[in-house]
Protein backbone atom coordinates (compact mmCIF):
# COMPACT_ATOMS: atom_id res chain seq x y z
CA MET A 1 -163.41 122.97 -25.68
CA SER A 2 -164.80 125.01 -22.80
CA LEU A 3 -166.45 128.48 -23.48
CA ARG A 4 -166.12 129.32 -19.85
CA PRO A 5 -162.67 131.16 -20.29
CA LEU A 6 -164.43 133.61 -22.62
CA CYS A 7 -166.93 134.56 -19.84
CA GLU A 8 -167.09 137.28 -17.35
CA ALA A 9 -169.32 136.44 -14.37
CA ASP A 10 -170.92 133.48 -16.15
CA ALA A 11 -171.88 135.65 -19.10
CA LEU A 12 -170.52 135.85 -22.60
CA GLN A 13 -171.34 139.18 -24.29
CA GLY A 14 -170.27 138.87 -27.96
CA PRO A 15 -171.40 136.56 -30.73
CA VAL A 16 -170.07 132.94 -30.86
CA ARG A 17 -169.43 131.33 -34.24
CA ILE A 18 -167.94 127.73 -34.44
CA VAL A 19 -168.01 126.67 -38.09
CA GLY A 20 -166.45 123.67 -39.81
CA CYS A 21 -164.83 122.17 -36.81
CA VAL A 22 -164.34 118.75 -35.23
CA VAL A 23 -164.83 119.06 -31.49
CA ASP A 24 -164.59 116.36 -28.86
CA GLN A 25 -166.43 118.25 -26.11
CA LEU A 26 -168.16 121.60 -26.27
CA ASP A 27 -168.96 122.90 -22.85
CA GLY A 28 -171.18 125.92 -22.48
CA ALA A 29 -172.91 124.72 -19.25
CA CYS A 30 -174.35 127.45 -16.95
CA ILE A 31 -173.46 130.32 -19.31
CA GLU A 32 -175.75 133.27 -20.27
CA PHE A 33 -175.00 134.05 -23.97
CA ALA A 34 -175.90 137.74 -24.58
CA GLY A 35 -174.93 137.57 -28.34
CA PRO A 36 -176.13 135.05 -30.93
CA VAL A 37 -174.53 131.62 -31.09
CA LEU A 38 -173.94 129.80 -34.40
CA LEU A 39 -172.76 126.24 -34.82
CA GLU A 40 -172.48 125.29 -38.46
CA GLY A 41 -171.10 122.37 -40.33
CA ASN A 42 -169.47 120.87 -37.27
CA HIS A 43 -168.89 117.30 -36.10
CA ILE A 44 -169.13 117.41 -32.25
CA ARG A 45 -168.86 114.36 -30.00
CA ARG A 46 -170.68 115.81 -26.89
CA VAL A 47 -172.38 119.18 -26.12
CA GLU A 48 -173.17 120.35 -22.65
CA PHE A 49 -175.63 123.27 -22.44
CA PHE A 50 -177.13 122.41 -18.94
CA ALA A 51 -178.73 125.62 -17.54
CA THR A 52 -177.53 127.65 -20.38
CA TYR A 53 -179.42 130.80 -21.73
CA PHE A 54 -179.22 131.69 -25.31
CA LEU A 55 -180.77 135.19 -24.84
CA ALA A 56 -179.97 136.36 -28.38
CA GLY A 57 -180.65 132.99 -30.04
CA LEU A 58 -178.91 129.77 -31.20
CA THR A 59 -178.58 128.32 -34.69
CA MET A 60 -177.24 124.83 -35.18
CA ARG A 61 -177.10 124.01 -38.85
CA GLY A 62 -175.62 121.02 -40.69
CA CYS A 63 -173.97 119.64 -37.60
CA VAL A 64 -173.41 115.96 -36.51
CA PHE A 65 -173.51 115.27 -32.73
CA GLU A 66 -172.13 111.84 -31.74
CA ASP A 67 -173.29 111.66 -28.17
CA THR A 68 -176.00 113.32 -25.93
CA VAL A 69 -176.85 116.97 -26.25
CA ASP A 70 -178.07 118.42 -22.89
CA PHE A 71 -180.12 121.60 -23.02
CA GLN A 72 -182.05 120.95 -19.71
CA CYS A 73 -183.10 123.85 -17.52
CA GLY A 74 -182.32 126.56 -20.10
CA GLY A 75 -182.80 127.61 -23.65
CA HIS A 76 -184.47 130.91 -22.97
CA ASN A 77 -184.44 133.09 -26.17
CA ARG A 78 -185.75 136.63 -25.72
CA ASN A 79 -186.75 139.61 -27.73
CA GLY A 80 -187.74 137.62 -30.75
CA SER A 81 -184.44 135.80 -31.13
CA ALA A 82 -184.80 132.26 -32.47
CA ILE A 83 -183.49 128.84 -31.58
CA ILE A 84 -183.05 126.91 -34.90
CA LEU A 85 -181.91 123.39 -35.29
CA GLU A 86 -181.65 122.68 -39.03
CA GLY A 87 -180.25 119.67 -40.98
CA CYS A 88 -178.51 118.23 -37.93
CA THR A 89 -177.96 114.57 -36.96
CA PHE A 90 -178.14 113.79 -33.24
CA ARG A 91 -176.89 110.32 -32.58
CA GLY A 92 -177.33 110.53 -28.81
CA PHE A 93 -180.40 111.54 -26.79
CA VAL A 94 -181.25 115.35 -26.91
CA ASN A 95 -182.43 116.53 -23.59
CA PHE A 96 -184.80 119.53 -23.36
CA TYR A 97 -186.04 118.69 -19.73
CA ASP A 98 -187.43 121.78 -18.13
CA CYS A 99 -186.59 124.22 -20.96
CA TRP A 100 -188.63 127.33 -21.69
CA PHE A 101 -188.38 129.04 -25.14
CA GLU A 102 -189.67 132.63 -25.11
CA GLY A 103 -189.05 133.32 -28.81
CA PRO A 104 -189.39 131.22 -31.98
CA PHE A 105 -188.17 127.64 -31.96
CA ALA A 106 -187.66 125.49 -35.11
CA ALA A 107 -186.42 121.99 -35.68
CA ARG A 108 -186.17 121.39 -39.45
CA ARG A 109 -184.80 118.23 -41.24
CA CYS A 110 -183.08 116.85 -38.16
CA ASP A 111 -182.57 113.23 -37.27
CA PHE A 112 -182.98 112.44 -33.62
CA GLN A 113 -181.52 108.93 -33.77
CA ALA A 114 -181.72 108.21 -30.06
CA GLY A 115 -184.79 110.42 -29.48
CA THR A 116 -185.57 113.58 -27.67
CA ASN A 117 -188.04 114.82 -25.01
CA LEU A 118 -188.79 117.98 -27.05
CA ARG A 119 -192.50 117.01 -27.19
CA GLY A 120 -192.48 114.62 -24.18
CA ASN A 121 -193.21 114.84 -20.52
CA ARG A 122 -196.70 116.19 -21.46
CA GLY A 123 -198.66 117.51 -18.43
CA LYS A 124 -195.54 117.54 -16.23
CA PRO A 125 -194.16 120.77 -14.70
CA PHE A 126 -190.90 120.09 -16.45
CA GLN A 127 -192.24 119.63 -20.04
CA VAL A 128 -190.80 122.05 -22.55
CA GLN A 129 -192.65 125.40 -22.62
CA PHE A 130 -193.03 127.41 -25.82
CA ASP A 131 -194.28 131.05 -25.82
CA VAL A 132 -194.38 130.86 -29.60
CA THR A 133 -195.81 127.79 -31.46
CA PRO A 134 -192.66 125.77 -32.44
CA GLU A 135 -192.01 124.75 -36.01
CA VAL A 136 -191.09 121.02 -36.18
CA ALA A 137 -190.81 119.87 -39.78
CA GLU A 138 -189.26 116.89 -41.55
CA VAL A 139 -187.64 115.43 -38.40
CA THR A 140 -187.06 111.72 -37.86
CA GLY A 141 -186.79 109.78 -34.61
CA THR A 142 -188.82 109.85 -31.43
CA ILE A 143 -189.50 113.42 -30.33
CA ASP A 144 -191.87 112.71 -27.51
CA ALA A 145 -189.80 110.70 -25.12
CA ASN A 146 -190.48 111.12 -21.34
CA GLY A 147 -187.94 111.69 -18.69
CA GLU A 148 -184.44 112.82 -19.39
CA GLY A 149 -183.31 110.00 -21.67
CA THR A 150 -179.64 109.23 -21.29
CA ALA A 151 -178.47 112.80 -20.90
């Protein structure tokens, strides 16, 4: 499923809600989301959010992701909007390489089975940047991997 057909000049203005779906591929690469994005109760094989900007926030709650999830070079949330990952299972590597989060970020009760570089790449110019201290609570799996994993 590509979100590109919903865009105008690489931007999607309205809110996006994908709830209770089984999705083989969710492609939102290089899109600027002006409205909030909600993924809830989904089973998704692969997600591509390379160079994607969630300007009004992103909530991923109660989802299972079978393969890699690639957030690299994006993730910017502005004006107090939050990025929330809650109760999700990530079976593939979750890549946050070179992401910058301007607003609140939370990862709660998530299982990173193949790891993530959320807290990795320390001291490198491409380590994840947080303008607001992130909340990372009750997560399992390696969260300080270096490099880009398998994404």
